Amino acid sequence: MKPEILHSLKGYKKTDLISDLMAGLMVAIIALPLSIALGLQSGVTLQVGIMTAIVAGFFISLLGGSRYQIGGPTAAFVVIILGYLQNPDIGVSGLAIATVAAGVILIILGYLKAGSLVRYIPYPIVIGFTTGIGITLMTGQLKDLLGLTLPDGTGSEFLHKIAAYAENISTVNFYTLLVGAVTIALIYLLPKVSKKIPASFVAILAATLLTLLIDFLTGGASNISTIESTYGNVKAEFKLIDLSGIANVKIPSLIMPAVVIAFLCAIESLLSATVADGMTGSTHSSNQELVGQGAANIFSALLGGLPATGAIARTAAGINNGAKSPLTGIFHALFLLVMYVVLMPVVKFIPLTGLAAILITVSIKMANFPVFIRLSTFGIRDTIVLIVTCLLTVIFDLTYGVIGGFALCLILNARNIIKPVKITEEKAEGKTLTLKAEGRVYFISVCRLIDRIEKSAADFDEFILDFKNIDRIDVTSVERLAKLDKALNRTGKNLKIINGAAAVDHRYTRFVNEIFH
């Protein structure tokens, strides 16, 4: 295994360098306000959020296995990090140790070639916990978005938080709400004008100017909370790992956080790299990506940062702005470093409602309610797993959501799993390979079909799956086969499913038409 940067720089041209520089600048502009918001909402400081983006962003691109992956702090980590920091047995020092341990776990998984194991995670679980995280993150921003005044000791649990909001809804600051609403509107409207506009950056700039204007017009009576009014004066700081509270850390309590951080990092980074492959036709090395993510998290923690992973929004922004190689991510980190030093004197004027608005738009995209709703109509078993995973994630946390969802998935599909799909006949005619299958296609057994097709991808242009003897297929298998078909289409090849039962054909066609495209 080698970092992708060593492969992508072969034949690298001056025009590629210019493209990577410009793409890196645009991604940095997009990442700055998001990193500030994530740092504050994670329960630490905005400096920690920015430093995580700088350090992790640099090493993910330098050592990862994707040509286009750009990493940093992401919204998925906010909820779990806040919970760990509030746990007296973990705290800041414990989180740093757990992040280093998670990095080591990721590196070991990479060298054990475990990157492909992510494909065995059922699709309803992935959508369920990402929707759950999105809902939790979104509700956590309502206080700052609305300018609510909550009593001391308000719990951070989802149900307690909702109850506190309802009880104190009369404390809404309408100036704060106005600024937040304008920020959200700009984030959604500016891309319709031009996708080249860094919407979040422009929106937070507009929110800051609007706050200053309202303060001027009201003589300072608007009471819109800003970074300075809430956290005091801020400046660029560089700190190493904080182990001052290590005496209070209970090492056994770090085992689950380390595993959860590693798991979430692996899932999100490999999903992001897969999205990048779909946008560009490239192919990432999942095992090298895990190694890069592990190293990035170790360096991030040692330099006082948070857990980090590949970020779909930043990765897509790099691609859309002409990224050619992992240098885009490296340049993005360097540009962020310059911005960090230069712009700190004006960051203090940013309103918290503007940062909350940014995270709300991110959480809405993460929650992906249209996919969640459509997916809930694809079969009773998949729907139960989807909803239970989401509810456990929202009410408890990600750990309960994933473990509970997976256990439920195994229980509900026990009879189908023991009857795995078998390839009963192969027939090759010219450039067409036909595979006859028998049994039931479920989230574990579908990998056998996909592996057989990928193994022959270089020798055939058309692949036909004869599903005459297949009577059941779950939504995870449908998603995997649809994704395989799309990957084949990029190289001029295609996949067909024939002779399937009516229920099988209907489910596959619905998924492709309603969710996949």
Protein backbone atom coordinates (compact mmCIF):
# COMPACT_ATOMS: atom_id res chain seq x y z
CA MET A 1 0.00 0.00 0.00
CA LYS A 2 1.11 3.54 -0.80
CA PRO A 3 -0.48 6.93 -0.20
CA GLU A 4 -2.47 8.07 -3.22
CA ILE A 5 -0.39 11.23 -3.52
CA LEU A 6 2.56 9.14 -4.75
CA HIS A 7 0.42 7.78 -7.61
CA SER A 8 -1.42 10.96 -8.52
CA LEU A 9 1.71 13.11 -8.92
CA LYS A 10 3.03 10.98 -11.77
CA GLY A 11 2.73 13.12 -14.89
CA TYR A 12 1.63 16.09 -12.78
CA LYS A 13 1.59 19.36 -14.73
CA LYS A 14 1.82 23.07 -13.96
CA THR A 15 -1.83 23.50 -14.92
CA ASP A 16 -2.74 20.78 -12.41
CA LEU A 17 -0.87 22.68 -9.69
CA ILE A 18 -2.81 25.87 -10.44
CA SER A 19 -6.09 23.92 -10.36
CA ASP A 20 -5.21 22.34 -7.01
CA LEU A 21 -4.21 25.71 -5.57
CA MET A 22 -7.48 27.38 -6.57
CA ALA A 23 -9.56 24.40 -5.44
CA GLY A 24 -7.71 24.34 -2.11
CA LEU A 25 -8.43 28.04 -1.57
CA MET A 26 -12.15 27.61 -2.23
CA VAL A 27 -12.38 24.60 0.10
CA ALA A 28 -10.55 26.54 2.82
CA ILE A 29 -13.03 29.41 2.50
CA ILE A 30 -15.88 26.93 2.88
CA ALA A 31 -14.20 25.04 5.74
CA LEU A 32 -13.34 28.05 7.93
CA PRO A 33 -16.82 28.95 9.27
CA LEU A 34 -17.78 25.27 9.49
CA SER A 35 -14.65 24.46 11.52
CA ILE A 36 -15.37 27.35 13.88
CA ALA A 37 -18.95 26.17 14.37
CA LEU A 38 -17.93 22.54 14.91
CA GLY A 39 -15.25 23.50 17.42
CA LEU A 40 -17.68 25.55 19.52
CA GLN A 41 -20.57 23.08 19.30
CA SER A 42 -18.31 20.16 20.25
CA GLY A 43 -17.84 21.79 23.63
CA VAL A 44 -14.27 23.00 23.10
CA THR A 45 -13.04 26.20 21.40
CA LEU A 46 -13.16 27.55 17.88
CA GLN A 47 -9.35 27.39 17.82
CA VAL A 48 -9.51 23.63 18.37
CA GLY A 49 -11.99 23.27 15.51
CA ILE A 50 -9.77 25.19 13.10
CA MET A 51 -6.58 23.40 14.20
CA THR A 52 -8.31 20.06 13.66
CA ALA A 53 -9.16 21.09 10.10
CA ILE A 54 -5.56 22.21 9.49
CA VAL A 55 -3.75 19.21 10.96
CA ALA A 56 -6.17 16.44 10.00
CA GLY A 57 -6.85 17.98 6.60
CA PHE A 58 -3.13 17.99 5.86
CA PHE A 59 -2.41 14.41 6.88
CA ILE A 60 -5.58 12.87 5.43
CA SER A 61 -4.58 14.17 2.00
CA LEU A 62 -0.87 13.37 2.48
CA LEU A 63 -1.29 9.78 3.68
CA GLY A 64 -4.79 8.72 2.54
CA GLY A 65 -5.86 6.41 -0.25
CA SER A 66 -8.19 8.73 -2.16
CA ARG A 67 -7.14 11.21 -4.83
CA TYR A 68 -9.86 13.70 -3.88
CA GLN A 69 -10.61 13.13 -0.19
CA ILE A 70 -10.46 16.24 2.02
CA GLY A 71 -10.85 15.82 5.75
CA GLY A 72 -11.35 17.68 8.99
CA PRO A 73 -13.85 17.92 11.83
CA THR A 74 -17.35 16.87 10.80
CA ALA A 75 -20.84 17.28 12.16
CA ALA A 76 -21.19 13.55 12.83
CA PHE A 77 -18.66 13.81 15.68
CA VAL A 78 -20.21 16.81 17.44
CA VAL A 79 -22.79 14.89 19.46
CA ILE A 80 -20.49 12.10 20.66
CA ILE A 81 -17.57 14.45 21.44
CA LEU A 82 -19.82 16.66 23.57
CA GLY A 83 -20.99 13.60 25.49
CA TYR A 84 -17.42 12.41 26.11
CA LEU A 85 -16.25 15.84 27.28
CA GLN A 86 -19.15 16.04 29.76
CA ASN A 87 -18.30 12.59 31.14
CA PRO A 88 -16.13 13.12 34.28
CA ASP A 89 -14.38 9.80 33.62
CA ILE A 90 -13.22 10.99 30.17
CA GLY A 91 -12.99 14.78 29.75
CA VAL A 92 -10.50 16.58 27.49
CA SER A 93 -7.54 14.37 28.39
CA GLY A 94 -9.52 11.17 27.99
CA LEU A 95 -10.87 12.29 24.61
CA ALA A 96 -7.34 12.97 23.39
CA ILE A 97 -6.16 9.52 24.49
CA ALA A 98 -9.24 7.86 22.96
CA THR A 99 -8.62 9.69 19.67
CA VAL A 100 -5.01 8.49 19.56
CA ALA A 101 -6.19 4.96 20.33
CA ALA A 102 -8.82 5.24 17.58
CA GLY A 103 -6.07 6.31 15.18
CA VAL A 104 -4.03 3.24 16.09
CA ILE A 105 -7.09 1.02 15.58
CA LEU A 106 -7.65 2.53 12.12
CA ILE A 107 -4.03 1.97 11.10
CA ILE A 108 -4.18 -1.66 12.27
CA LEU A 109 -7.46 -2.19 10.38
CA GLY A 110 -5.87 -0.72 7.27
CA TYR A 111 -2.86 -3.06 7.38
CA LEU A 112 -5.17 -5.99 8.12
CA LYS A 113 -6.99 -5.02 4.89
CA ALA A 114 -10.25 -4.55 6.73
CA GLY A 115 -11.34 -1.60 4.59
CA SER A 116 -13.77 -3.75 2.63
CA LEU A 117 -15.67 -4.79 5.78
CA VAL A 118 -17.64 -1.55 5.65
CA ARG A 119 -19.70 -2.99 2.81
CA TYR A 120 -21.22 -5.53 5.22
CA ILE A 121 -22.96 -2.79 7.20
CA PRO A 122 -26.65 -2.81 6.20
CA TYR A 123 -27.83 0.25 4.31
CA PRO A 124 -30.77 0.95 6.70
CA ILE A 125 -28.29 1.16 9.59
CA VAL A 126 -26.13 3.70 7.73
CA ILE A 127 -29.15 5.86 6.88
CA GLY A 128 -30.69 5.33 10.33
CA PHE A 129 -27.71 6.51 12.35
CA THR A 130 -26.81 9.37 10.01
CA THR A 131 -30.41 10.61 10.19
CA GLY A 132 -30.31 10.22 13.97
CA ILE A 133 -27.07 12.19 14.24
CA GLY A 134 -28.51 14.87 11.96
CA ILE A 135 -31.64 15.22 14.12
CA THR A 136 -29.60 15.40 17.33
CA LEU A 137 -27.22 17.98 15.89
CA MET A 138 -30.09 20.06 14.52
CA THR A 139 -31.97 20.21 17.83
CA GLY A 140 -28.75 21.18 19.58
CA GLN A 141 -28.54 24.38 17.50
CA LEU A 142 -32.03 25.70 18.28
CA LYS A 143 -30.94 27.52 21.43
CA ASP A 144 -28.40 29.68 19.58
CA LEU A 145 -30.56 30.03 16.47
CA LEU A 146 -33.50 31.39 18.48
CA GLY A 147 -31.48 33.17 21.15
CA LEU A 148 -33.26 31.22 23.89
CA THR A 149 -32.44 31.74 27.56
CA LEU A 150 -32.34 28.37 29.32
CA PRO A 151 -31.95 27.76 33.06
CA ASP A 152 -28.65 26.46 34.39
CA GLY A 153 -28.44 22.70 34.58
CA THR A 154 -30.52 22.05 31.46
CA GLY A 155 -29.74 18.50 30.39
CA SER A 156 -28.01 17.72 27.13
CA GLU A 157 -30.14 14.64 26.44
CA PHE A 158 -32.48 14.94 23.49
CA LEU A 159 -35.79 14.69 25.37
CA HIS A 160 -34.65 17.04 28.17
CA LYS A 161 -33.46 19.55 25.60
CA ILE A 162 -36.74 19.51 23.69
CA ALA A 163 -38.67 19.96 26.93
CA ALA A 164 -36.45 22.90 27.93
CA TYR A 165 -36.98 24.57 24.56
CA ALA A 166 -40.75 24.23 24.89
CA GLU A 167 -40.79 25.60 28.44
CA ASN A 168 -38.65 28.63 27.54
CA ILE A 169 -39.97 29.43 24.06
CA SER A 170 -41.12 32.83 25.35
CA THR A 171 -37.47 33.91 25.68
CA VAL A 172 -36.91 33.94 21.90
CA ASN A 173 -34.78 36.88 20.77
CA PHE A 174 -36.35 37.98 17.49
CA TYR A 175 -33.25 39.94 16.40
CA THR A 176 -31.24 36.73 16.82
CA LEU A 177 -33.85 34.73 14.92
CA LEU A 178 -33.79 37.28 12.09
CA VAL A 179 -30.01 36.99 11.66
CA GLY A 180 -30.20 33.18 11.77
CA ALA A 181 -33.03 33.08 9.22
CA VAL A 182 -31.12 35.36 6.84
CA THR A 183 -28.05 33.11 7.18
CA ILE A 184 -30.04 29.96 6.35
CA ALA A 185 -31.72 31.69 3.41
CA LEU A 186 -28.37 32.77 1.95
CA ILE A 187 -26.88 29.29 2.35
CA TYR A 188 -29.73 27.81 0.33
CA LEU A 189 -30.19 30.62 -2.21
CA LEU A 190 -26.60 31.52 -3.17
CA PRO A 191 -25.82 28.15 -4.83
CA LYS A 192 -28.86 28.70 -7.07
CA VAL A 193 -27.15 31.86 -8.34
CA SER A 194 -23.78 30.14 -8.80
CA LYS A 195 -22.33 26.93 -7.39
CA LYS A 196 -18.94 28.64 -7.35
CA ILE A 197 -20.03 30.97 -4.54
CA PRO A 198 -18.80 29.75 -1.10
CA ALA A 199 -22.28 30.06 0.39
CA SER A 200 -21.43 29.39 4.04
CA PHE A 201 -18.58 31.92 4.02
CA VAL A 202 -20.66 34.63 2.36
CA ALA A 203 -23.60 33.86 4.65
CA ILE A 204 -21.55 34.13 7.86
CA LEU A 205 -20.01 37.38 6.60
CA ALA A 206 -23.50 38.76 5.90
CA ALA A 207 -24.72 37.58 9.31
CA THR A 208 -21.83 39.36 11.02
CA LEU A 209 -22.45 42.62 9.16
CA LEU A 210 -26.19 42.39 9.84
CA THR A 211 -25.52 41.87 13.55
CA LEU A 212 -23.27 44.94 13.66
CA LEU A 213 -25.94 46.97 11.84
CA ILE A 214 -28.71 45.85 14.21
CA ASP A 215 -26.52 46.62 17.22
CA PHE A 216 -25.85 50.10 15.84
CA LEU A 217 -29.52 50.78 15.14
CA THR A 218 -30.68 49.51 18.55
CA GLY A 219 -27.89 51.13 20.50
CA GLY A 220 -26.56 47.72 21.55
CA ALA A 221 -29.91 46.60 22.93
CA SER A 222 -30.40 43.70 20.50
CA ASN A 223 -28.58 41.23 22.79
CA ILE A 224 -27.47 39.08 19.85
CA SER A 225 -24.86 36.67 21.24
CA THR A 226 -21.51 36.76 19.43
CA ILE A 227 -18.30 34.82 19.89
CA GLU A 228 -16.80 37.72 21.85
CA SER A 229 -19.82 38.27 24.11
CA THR A 230 -20.01 34.57 24.93
CA TYR A 231 -16.39 33.37 24.91
CA GLY A 232 -14.42 36.61 25.33
CA ASN A 233 -11.63 37.84 23.08
CA VAL A 234 -10.14 35.16 20.80
CA LYS A 235 -6.74 34.84 19.21
CA ALA A 236 -4.80 32.27 17.22
CA GLU A 237 -3.30 29.69 19.56
CA PHE A 238 -1.22 26.57 19.06
CA LYS A 239 -1.38 23.98 21.82
CA LEU A 240 -0.17 20.42 22.22
CA ILE A 241 -2.25 17.61 23.69
CA ASP A 242 -3.84 18.56 27.02
CA LEU A 243 -3.13 15.87 29.63
CA SER A 244 -3.65 18.09 32.66
CA GLY A 245 -6.71 16.10 33.70
CA ILE A 246 -5.24 12.66 33.06
CA ALA A 247 -5.41 11.77 36.76
CA ASN A 248 -9.20 11.89 36.55
CA VAL A 249 -9.38 9.66 33.48
CA LYS A 250 -10.55 6.08 33.97
CA ILE A 251 -8.80 4.11 31.25
CA PRO A 252 -11.50 1.39 30.95
CA SER A 253 -14.00 4.14 30.14
CA LEU A 254 -11.95 5.01 27.03
CA ILE A 255 -12.35 1.64 25.33
CA MET A 256 -15.81 2.28 23.90
CA PRO A 257 -15.06 5.91 22.86
CA ALA A 258 -11.95 4.74 20.99
CA VAL A 259 -13.93 2.05 19.17
CA VAL A 260 -16.81 4.43 18.38
CA ILE A 261 -14.47 7.13 17.05
CA ALA A 262 -12.62 4.59 14.90
CA PHE A 263 -15.88 3.11 13.61
CA LEU A 264 -17.45 6.45 12.75
CA CYS A 265 -14.25 7.68 11.16
CA ALA A 266 -13.99 4.56 9.01
CA ILE A 267 -17.63 4.69 7.92
CA GLU A 268 -17.73 8.39 7.10
CA SER A 269 -14.34 8.52 5.38
CA LEU A 270 -14.99 5.49 3.18
CA LEU A 271 -18.47 6.76 2.29
CA SER A 272 -16.94 10.12 1.35
CA ALA A 273 -14.23 8.47 -0.73
CA THR A 274 -16.89 6.38 -2.48
CA VAL A 275 -18.87 9.53 -3.28
CA ALA A 276 -15.71 11.06 -4.72
CA ASP A 277 -15.21 7.96 -6.88
CA GLY A 278 -18.75 8.31 -8.16
CA MET A 279 -18.21 11.97 -9.06
CA THR A 280 -14.89 11.44 -10.84
CA GLY A 281 -14.66 7.82 -11.98
CA SER A 282 -11.58 7.30 -9.79
CA THR A 283 -10.97 4.35 -7.46
CA HIS A 284 -9.73 4.78 -3.90
CA SER A 285 -7.75 2.33 -1.77
CA SER A 286 -9.96 1.70 1.25
CA ASN A 287 -7.16 0.16 3.29
CA GLN A 288 -4.71 2.99 2.64
CA GLU A 289 -7.50 5.44 3.42
CA LEU A 290 -7.91 3.86 6.86
CA VAL A 291 -4.17 4.18 7.45
CA GLY A 292 -4.25 7.85 6.45
CA GLN A 293 -7.30 8.54 8.63
CA GLY A 294 -5.61 6.82 11.57
CA ALA A 295 -2.41 8.84 11.24
CA ALA A 296 -4.39 12.07 10.84
CA ASN A 297 -6.35 11.42 14.04
CA ILE A 298 -3.17 10.67 15.99
CA PHE A 299 -1.51 13.90 14.83
CA SER A 300 -4.73 15.87 15.42
CA ALA A 301 -5.00 14.66 19.02
CA LEU A 302 -1.28 15.22 19.75
CA LEU A 303 -1.61 18.81 18.52
CA GLY A 304 -4.68 19.49 20.63
CA GLY A 305 -7.32 18.74 17.98
CA LEU A 306 -10.51 16.71 17.76
CA PRO A 307 -11.33 13.45 15.97
CA ALA A 308 -11.57 14.00 12.23
CA THR A 309 -12.54 12.15 9.09
CA GLY A 310 -13.08 12.60 5.39
CA ALA A 311 -15.77 15.22 4.78
CA ILE A 312 -18.20 14.75 1.92
CA ALA A 313 -19.02 18.46 1.60
CA ARG A 314 -15.39 19.57 1.44
CA THR A 315 -14.42 16.69 -0.83
CA ALA A 316 -17.24 17.51 -3.25
CA ALA A 317 -16.33 21.20 -3.14
CA GLY A 318 -12.76 20.37 -4.11
CA ILE A 319 -13.91 18.26 -7.05
CA ASN A 320 -16.38 20.91 -8.22
CA ASN A 321 -13.64 23.53 -8.13
CA GLY A 322 -11.19 21.55 -10.25
CA ALA A 323 -9.16 19.42 -7.82
CA LYS A 324 -6.61 17.21 -9.57
CA SER A 325 -4.76 15.49 -6.73
CA PRO A 326 -4.44 15.19 -2.93
CA LEU A 327 -2.51 18.47 -3.06
CA THR A 328 -5.90 20.20 -3.01
CA GLY A 329 -6.42 18.98 0.56
CA ILE A 330 -2.89 19.95 1.55
CA PHE A 331 -3.29 23.45 0.09
CA HIS A 332 -6.67 23.76 1.83
CA ALA A 333 -4.94 23.08 5.16
CA LEU A 334 -2.20 25.63 4.45
CA PHE A 335 -4.71 28.30 3.40
CA LEU A 336 -6.68 27.61 6.60
CA LEU A 337 -3.49 28.14 8.61
CA VAL A 338 -2.97 31.55 7.01
CA MET A 339 -6.63 32.49 7.59
CA TYR A 340 -6.39 31.32 11.19
CA VAL A 341 -3.52 33.71 11.93
CA VAL A 342 -4.83 36.64 9.87
CA LEU A 343 -8.59 36.60 10.54
CA MET A 344 -8.77 35.92 14.30
CA PRO A 345 -9.14 39.64 15.20
CA VAL A 346 -12.48 39.81 13.31
CA VAL A 347 -13.82 36.35 14.14
CA LYS A 348 -15.00 37.63 17.53
CA PHE A 349 -17.82 39.59 15.82
CA ILE A 350 -19.46 36.46 14.35
CA PRO A 351 -22.96 35.85 15.84
CA LEU A 352 -23.61 32.43 17.34
CA THR A 353 -26.95 32.26 15.51
CA GLY A 354 -25.04 32.41 12.22
CA LEU A 355 -22.87 29.46 13.21
CA ALA A 356 -25.97 27.59 14.40
CA ALA A 357 -27.61 28.27 11.03
CA ILE A 358 -24.63 26.75 9.22
CA LEU A 359 -24.78 23.60 11.34
CA ILE A 360 -28.54 23.33 10.88
CA THR A 361 -28.14 23.29 7.09
CA VAL A 362 -25.38 20.69 7.47
CA SER A 363 -27.53 18.56 9.79
CA ILE A 364 -30.51 18.71 7.43
CA LYS A 365 -28.33 17.46 4.60
CA MET A 366 -26.89 14.76 6.85
CA ALA A 367 -30.32 13.64 8.05
CA ASN A 368 -31.45 13.25 4.41
CA PHE A 369 -35.12 13.01 5.32
CA PRO A 370 -36.33 12.28 1.73
CA VAL A 371 -34.18 9.13 1.56
CA PHE A 372 -35.19 8.12 5.10
CA ILE A 373 -38.89 8.45 4.29
CA ARG A 374 -38.66 6.59 0.98
CA LEU A 375 -36.50 3.87 2.47
CA SER A 376 -39.10 3.27 5.19
CA THR A 377 -41.45 1.91 2.52
CA PHE A 378 -39.11 -0.80 1.21
CA GLY A 379 -40.12 -3.71 3.42
CA ILE A 380 -41.06 -4.30 7.04
CA ARG A 381 -37.71 -5.75 8.17
CA ASP A 382 -35.62 -2.97 6.65
CA THR A 383 -38.07 -0.36 7.96
CA ILE A 384 -37.88 -1.69 11.52
CA VAL A 385 -34.06 -1.66 11.45
CA LEU A 386 -34.05 1.85 9.95
CA ILE A 387 -36.41 3.36 12.53
CA VAL A 388 -34.98 1.56 15.57
CA THR A 389 -31.41 2.57 14.63
CA CYS A 390 -32.50 6.19 14.24
CA LEU A 391 -34.47 6.26 17.52
CA LEU A 392 -31.69 4.64 19.55
CA THR A 393 -29.18 7.11 18.09
CA VAL A 394 -31.37 10.11 18.93
CA ILE A 395 -32.54 9.03 22.41
CA PHE A 396 -29.27 7.43 23.55
CA ASP A 397 -26.25 7.73 21.22
CA LEU A 398 -24.53 6.37 18.14
CA THR A 399 -23.19 3.29 19.95
CA TYR A 400 -26.65 2.09 20.94
CA GLY A 401 -27.96 2.93 17.48
CA VAL A 402 -25.42 0.90 15.52
CA ILE A 403 -25.14 -2.06 17.90
CA GLY A 404 -28.90 -2.21 18.42
CA GLY A 405 -29.62 -1.84 14.71
CA PHE A 406 -27.12 -4.51 13.71
CA ALA A 407 -28.33 -6.97 16.35
CA LEU A 408 -31.92 -6.43 15.26
CA CYS A 409 -30.93 -6.85 11.62
CA LEU A 410 -29.31 -10.22 12.37
CA ILE A 411 -32.33 -11.40 14.37
CA LEU A 412 -34.90 -10.38 11.76
CA ASN A 413 -32.89 -11.89 8.91
CA ALA A 414 -31.64 -15.05 10.64
CA ARG A 415 -33.65 -17.37 8.37
CA ASN A 416 -32.49 -15.56 5.25
CA ILE A 417 -28.83 -15.44 6.28
CA ILE A 418 -28.67 -19.20 6.74
CA LYS A 419 -29.87 -19.57 3.16
CA PRO A 420 -27.14 -17.57 1.40
CA VAL A 421 -27.11 -16.85 -2.29
CA LYS A 422 -25.23 -19.34 -4.46
CA ILE A 423 -23.95 -18.97 -7.99
CA THR A 424 -25.26 -22.14 -9.59
CA GLU A 425 -24.22 -21.59 -13.21
CA GLU A 426 -21.94 -19.37 -15.26
CA LYS A 427 -22.23 -18.82 -18.99
CA ALA A 428 -19.91 -16.69 -21.10
CA GLU A 429 -20.80 -15.61 -24.63
CA GLY A 430 -18.47 -13.13 -26.25
CA LYS A 431 -18.31 -10.11 -24.01
CA THR A 432 -21.36 -11.15 -21.93
CA LEU A 433 -21.20 -13.09 -18.69
CA THR A 434 -24.40 -14.59 -17.27
CA LEU A 435 -24.57 -15.72 -13.65
CA LYS A 436 -27.46 -17.82 -12.37
CA ALA A 437 -28.11 -17.34 -8.67
CA GLU A 438 -30.11 -19.29 -6.14
CA GLY A 439 -31.20 -18.49 -2.60
CA ARG A 440 -31.88 -15.16 -0.94
CA VAL A 441 -29.85 -12.03 -1.55
CA TYR A 442 -29.15 -10.20 1.70
CA PHE A 443 -26.62 -7.69 3.00
CA ILE A 444 -23.98 -10.36 3.68
CA SER A 445 -24.44 -12.67 0.70
CA VAL A 446 -24.69 -9.94 -1.97
CA CYS A 447 -20.95 -9.41 -1.65
CA ARG A 448 -20.42 -12.83 -3.22
CA LEU A 449 -22.18 -11.72 -6.40
CA ILE A 450 -20.39 -8.39 -6.50
CA ASP A 451 -16.96 -9.99 -5.99
CA ARG A 452 -17.61 -12.42 -8.85
CA ILE A 453 -18.56 -9.61 -11.23
CA GLU A 454 -15.68 -7.34 -10.22
CA LYS A 455 -13.27 -10.22 -10.69
CA SER A 456 -14.35 -10.48 -14.35
CA ALA A 457 -14.84 -6.77 -15.01
CA ALA A 458 -11.79 -6.57 -17.27
CA ASP A 459 -12.93 -9.44 -19.50
CA PHE A 460 -16.61 -8.66 -20.11
CA ASP A 461 -18.71 -5.65 -21.10
CA GLU A 462 -22.10 -6.94 -19.98
CA PHE A 463 -23.08 -8.86 -16.88
CA ILE A 464 -26.44 -10.59 -16.53
CA LEU A 465 -27.75 -11.83 -13.20
CA ASP A 466 -30.41 -14.50 -13.65
CA PHE A 467 -32.59 -14.23 -10.55
CA LYS A 468 -35.16 -16.88 -11.53
CA ASN A 469 -34.39 -18.82 -8.35
CA ILE A 470 -34.13 -15.74 -6.11
CA ASP A 471 -37.29 -15.01 -4.16
CA ARG A 472 -36.10 -12.33 -1.74
CA ILE A 473 -33.70 -9.40 -1.76
CA ASP A 474 -33.14 -6.77 0.90
CA VAL A 475 -32.66 -3.05 0.32
CA THR A 476 -28.93 -3.24 1.16
CA SER A 477 -28.39 -5.70 -1.70
CA VAL A 478 -30.41 -3.50 -4.02
CA GLU A 479 -28.26 -0.49 -3.08
CA ARG A 480 -25.01 -2.42 -3.59
CA LEU A 481 -26.08 -3.76 -6.99
CA ALA A 482 -27.30 -0.33 -8.14
CA LYS A 483 -23.96 1.17 -7.09
CA LEU A 484 -22.10 -1.58 -8.96
CA ASP A 485 -24.16 -0.92 -12.10
CA LYS A 486 -23.30 2.78 -11.90
CA ALA A 487 -19.60 1.98 -11.52
CA LEU A 488 -19.73 -0.33 -14.54
CA ASN A 489 -21.57 2.31 -16.59
CA ARG A 490 -18.70 4.75 -16.09
CA THR A 491 -16.44 2.36 -18.00
CA GLY A 492 -18.96 1.58 -20.75
CA LYS A 493 -20.16 -1.67 -19.18
CA ASN A 494 -23.54 -2.57 -17.70
CA LEU A 495 -25.39 -4.91 -15.36
CA LYS A 496 -28.80 -6.49 -16.00
CA ILE A 497 -31.07 -8.47 -13.72
CA ILE A 498 -33.44 -10.87 -15.49
CA ASN A 499 -36.15 -13.37 -14.55
CA GLY A 500 -36.53 -11.93 -11.06
CA ALA A 501 -39.75 -12.41 -9.14
CA ALA A 502 -42.15 -9.48 -9.38
CA ALA A 503 -41.32 -8.33 -5.84
CA VAL A 504 -37.57 -8.44 -6.55
CA ASP A 505 -37.84 -6.49 -9.83
CA HIS A 506 -40.20 -3.96 -8.27
CA ARG A 507 -37.91 -3.29 -5.33
CA TYR A 508 -34.83 -2.85 -7.51
CA THR A 509 -36.59 -0.55 -9.99
CA ARG A 510 -38.13 1.55 -7.20
CA PHE A 511 -34.80 1.99 -5.48
CA VAL A 512 -33.00 3.07 -8.64
CA ASN A 513 -35.74 5.50 -9.62
CA GLU A 514 -36.63 6.95 -6.20
CA ILE A 515 -33.41 6.91 -4.19
CA PHE A 516 -30.30 6.15 -6.18
CA HIS A 517 -30.70 8.86 -8.83
